[in-house]
Amino acid sequence: MMKIFLFIFTLAILVLGASFTLLNADPVQVNYYFGTADIALSVILVGTLVTGALIGVSATMGKLLSLKLQVSKLRRS
């Protein structure tokens, strides 16, 4: 039963992602430091989301690793 729910949930996310891409397919001019580029708005938004997620994960990794080290030290003693 859980596999069916997971499949339906994944399918719903894919459909929402596809509709999001179709609704935001207009090109947007992006100004870089060394030039400009016309990129689809959906690509920019997804790229920003992924970049934010990676920054969030990397920000928590230091604390997570220090806590794991502390747990391993406490288990040894």
N, C-alpha and C. Protein backbone atom coordinates (compact mmCIF):
# COMPACT_ATOMS: atom_id res chain seq x y z
N MET A 1 0.82 -1.19 0.00
CA MET A 1 0.00 0.00 0.00
C MET A 1 0.87 1.26 0.00
N MET A 2 1.97 1.20 0.75
CA MET A 2 2.85 2.36 0.83
C MET A 2 3.53 2.63 -0.51
N LYS A 3 3.85 1.57 -1.25
CA LYS A 3 4.48 1.75 -2.56
C LYS A 3 3.53 2.45 -3.54
N ILE A 4 2.26 2.13 -3.45
CA ILE A 4 1.28 2.77 -4.32
C ILE A 4 1.16 4.25 -3.98
N PHE A 5 1.12 4.55 -2.69
CA PHE A 5 1.05 5.95 -2.26
C PHE A 5 2.29 6.72 -2.72
N LEU A 6 3.46 6.12 -2.57
CA LEU A 6 4.69 6.77 -3.00
C LEU A 6 4.70 6.99 -4.51
N PHE A 7 4.21 6.01 -5.26
CA PHE A 7 4.14 6.15 -6.71
C PHE A 7 3.20 7.28 -7.11
N ILE A 8 2.04 7.35 -6.49
CA ILE A 8 1.07 8.41 -6.80
C ILE A 8 1.62 9.77 -6.41
N PHE A 9 2.29 9.85 -5.27
CA PHE A 9 2.89 11.10 -4.82
C PHE A 9 3.98 11.55 -5.80
N THR A 10 4.83 10.63 -6.23
CA THR A 10 5.89 10.96 -7.18
C THR A 10 5.30 11.40 -8.51
N LEU A 11 4.28 10.72 -8.96
CA LEU A 11 3.62 11.08 -10.21
C LEU A 11 3.00 12.48 -10.11
N ALA A 12 2.39 12.78 -8.98
CA ALA A 12 1.79 14.11 -8.79
C ALA A 12 2.86 15.20 -8.81
N ILE A 13 4.00 14.94 -8.17
CA ILE A 13 5.09 15.92 -8.18
C ILE A 13 5.61 16.13 -9.59
N LEU A 14 5.74 15.06 -10.36
CA LEU A 14 6.20 15.19 -11.74
C LEU A 14 5.22 15.97 -12.60
N VAL A 15 3.94 15.74 -12.42
CA VAL A 15 2.92 16.48 -13.17
C VAL A 15 2.95 17.96 -12.79
N LEU A 16 3.07 18.24 -11.50
CA LEU A 16 3.16 19.63 -11.06
C LEU A 16 4.41 20.30 -11.61
N GLY A 17 5.52 19.58 -11.62
CA GLY A 17 6.76 20.13 -12.17
C GLY A 17 6.66 20.40 -13.66
N ALA A 18 6.01 19.50 -14.39
CA ALA A 18 5.84 19.70 -15.83
C ALA A 18 4.93 20.89 -16.10
N SER A 19 3.86 21.02 -15.35
CA SER A 19 2.97 22.17 -15.55
C SER A 19 3.65 23.47 -15.16
N PHE A 20 4.48 23.43 -14.12
CA PHE A 20 5.24 24.61 -13.71
C PHE A 20 6.18 25.04 -14.83
N THR A 21 6.83 24.07 -15.45
CA THR A 21 7.75 24.38 -16.55
C THR A 21 7.01 24.97 -17.74
N LEU A 22 5.85 24.44 -18.05
CA LEU A 22 5.08 24.96 -19.18
C LEU A 22 4.54 26.36 -18.92
N LEU A 23 4.16 26.63 -17.68
CA LEU A 23 3.62 27.95 -17.35
C LEU A 23 4.71 29.02 -17.29
N ASN A 24 5.95 28.63 -17.02
CA ASN A 24 7.04 29.59 -16.87
C ASN A 24 8.13 29.37 -17.92
N ALA A 25 7.72 29.17 -19.15
CA ALA A 25 8.68 28.88 -20.22
C ALA A 25 9.21 30.14 -20.89
N ASP A 26 8.74 31.30 -20.51
CA ASP A 26 9.18 32.54 -21.14
C ASP A 26 10.65 32.82 -20.82
N PRO A 27 11.41 33.25 -21.82
CA PRO A 27 12.82 33.57 -21.54
C PRO A 27 12.95 34.88 -20.76
N VAL A 28 13.91 34.90 -19.88
CA VAL A 28 14.19 36.06 -19.06
C VAL A 28 15.66 36.42 -19.26
N GLN A 29 15.94 37.71 -19.37
CA GLN A 29 17.32 38.14 -19.54
C GLN A 29 18.00 38.18 -18.17
N VAL A 30 19.11 37.46 -18.06
CA VAL A 30 19.89 37.41 -16.82
C VAL A 30 21.19 38.15 -17.07
N ASN A 31 21.49 39.12 -16.22
CA ASN A 31 22.71 39.90 -16.34
C ASN A 31 23.77 39.33 -15.40
N TYR A 32 24.85 38.82 -15.99
CA TYR A 32 25.99 38.34 -15.23
C TYR A 32 26.99 39.47 -15.10
N TYR A 33 28.07 39.21 -14.39
CA TYR A 33 29.12 40.23 -14.29
C TYR A 33 29.81 40.44 -15.62
N PHE A 34 29.89 39.40 -16.43
CA PHE A 34 30.64 39.48 -17.69
C PHE A 34 29.76 39.37 -18.92
N GLY A 35 28.46 39.49 -18.80
CA GLY A 35 27.60 39.41 -19.96
C GLY A 35 26.16 39.15 -19.57
N THR A 36 25.36 38.81 -20.57
CA THR A 36 23.95 38.53 -20.34
C THR A 36 23.58 37.22 -21.04
N ALA A 37 22.46 36.66 -20.63
CA ALA A 37 21.95 35.44 -21.26
C ALA A 37 20.44 35.42 -21.13
N ASP A 38 19.78 34.84 -22.11
CA ASP A 38 18.34 34.63 -22.07
C ASP A 38 18.08 33.18 -21.67
N ILE A 39 17.50 33.00 -20.49
CA ILE A 39 17.25 31.67 -19.94
C ILE A 39 15.78 31.59 -19.56
N ALA A 40 15.19 30.41 -19.70
CA ALA A 40 13.80 30.22 -19.32
C ALA A 40 13.63 30.46 -17.82
N LEU A 41 12.54 31.10 -17.46
CA LEU A 41 12.28 31.44 -16.06
C LEU A 41 12.22 30.19 -15.19
N SER A 42 11.65 29.12 -15.69
CA SER A 42 11.55 27.90 -14.89
C SER A 42 12.93 27.33 -14.57
N VAL A 43 13.87 27.44 -15.50
CA VAL A 43 15.23 26.95 -15.26
C VAL A 43 15.90 27.78 -14.17
N ILE A 44 15.68 29.08 -14.20
CA ILE A 44 16.26 29.95 -13.18
C ILE A 44 15.68 29.64 -11.81
N LEU A 45 14.36 29.45 -11.75
CA LEU A 45 13.72 29.17 -10.46
C LEU A 45 14.15 27.82 -9.89
N VAL A 46 14.23 26.81 -10.73
CA VAL A 46 14.67 25.49 -10.25
C VAL A 46 16.13 25.55 -9.83
N GLY A 47 16.95 26.25 -10.60
CA GLY A 47 18.36 26.41 -10.23
C GLY A 47 18.53 27.12 -8.90
N THR A 48 17.72 28.14 -8.67
CA THR A 48 17.76 28.86 -7.40
C THR A 48 17.33 27.96 -6.25
N LEU A 49 16.30 27.16 -6.47
CA LEU A 49 15.83 26.23 -5.45
C LEU A 49 16.91 25.21 -5.10
N VAL A 50 17.54 24.65 -6.10
CA VAL A 50 18.59 23.65 -5.88
C VAL A 50 19.79 24.28 -5.17
N THR A 51 20.16 25.48 -5.58
CA THR A 51 21.28 26.17 -4.94
C THR A 51 20.98 26.45 -3.47
N GLY A 52 19.78 26.90 -3.18
CA GLY A 52 19.40 27.14 -1.79
C GLY A 52 19.39 25.87 -0.96
N ALA A 53 18.92 24.78 -1.55
CA ALA A 53 18.92 23.51 -0.83
C ALA A 53 20.34 23.04 -0.54
N LEU A 54 21.23 23.19 -1.51
CA LEU A 54 22.63 22.79 -1.30
C LEU A 54 23.31 23.65 -0.24
N ILE A 55 23.01 24.93 -0.23
CA ILE A 55 23.58 25.81 0.80
C ILE A 55 23.05 25.41 2.17
N GLY A 56 21.76 25.10 2.25
CA GLY A 56 21.18 24.68 3.53
C GLY A 56 21.77 23.37 4.03
N VAL A 57 21.94 22.42 3.14
CA VAL A 57 22.52 21.13 3.53
C VAL A 57 23.96 21.30 3.97
N SER A 58 24.72 22.08 3.22
CA SER A 58 26.12 22.27 3.59
C SER A 58 26.26 23.06 4.89
N ALA A 59 25.32 23.93 5.18
CA ALA A 59 25.37 24.69 6.43
C ALA A 59 25.11 23.79 7.63
N THR A 60 24.30 22.78 7.47
CA THR A 60 23.99 21.89 8.59
C THR A 60 24.97 20.73 8.72
N MET A 61 25.77 20.47 7.70
CA MET A 61 26.68 19.33 7.74
C MET A 61 27.74 19.49 8.83
N GLY A 62 28.25 20.68 9.06
CA GLY A 62 29.26 20.89 10.09
C GLY A 62 28.74 20.52 11.46
N LYS A 63 27.55 20.98 11.78
CA LYS A 63 26.95 20.66 13.08
C LYS A 63 26.64 19.18 13.19
N LEU A 64 26.14 18.59 12.12
CA LEU A 64 25.81 17.17 12.13
C LEU A 64 27.05 16.32 12.35
N LEU A 65 28.13 16.65 11.67
CA LEU A 65 29.36 15.88 11.84
C LEU A 65 29.94 16.04 13.24
N SER A 66 29.86 17.23 13.80
CA SER A 66 30.37 17.41 15.17
C SER A 66 29.52 16.64 16.18
N LEU A 67 28.22 16.58 15.97
CA LEU A 67 27.36 15.81 16.87
C LEU A 67 27.63 14.31 16.74
N LYS A 68 27.86 13.83 15.53
CA LYS A 68 28.19 12.41 15.34
C LYS A 68 29.51 12.07 16.01
N LEU A 69 30.47 12.97 15.93
CA LEU A 69 31.76 12.75 16.59
C LEU A 69 31.57 12.71 18.10
N GLN A 70 30.74 13.58 18.62
CA GLN A 70 30.48 13.61 20.06
C GLN A 70 29.78 12.32 20.51
N VAL A 71 28.85 11.83 19.72
CA VAL A 71 28.15 10.58 20.06
C VAL A 71 29.13 9.41 20.06
N SER A 72 30.01 9.37 19.07
CA SER A 72 30.97 8.26 19.03
C SER A 72 31.93 8.32 20.21
N LYS A 73 32.33 9.51 20.63
CA LYS A 73 33.21 9.64 21.80
C LYS A 73 32.48 9.19 23.07
N LEU A 74 31.21 9.54 23.19
CA LEU A 74 30.45 9.16 24.37
C LEU A 74 30.18 7.66 24.41
N ARG A 75 30.03 7.04 23.25
CA ARG A 75 29.80 5.59 23.23
C ARG A 75 31.06 4.82 23.62
N ARG A 76 32.23 5.37 23.30
CA ARG A 76 33.49 4.70 23.65
C ARG A 76 33.76 4.76 25.14
N SER A 77 33.32 5.80 25.80
CA SER A 77 33.64 5.94 27.23
C SER A 77 32.62 5.28 28.13
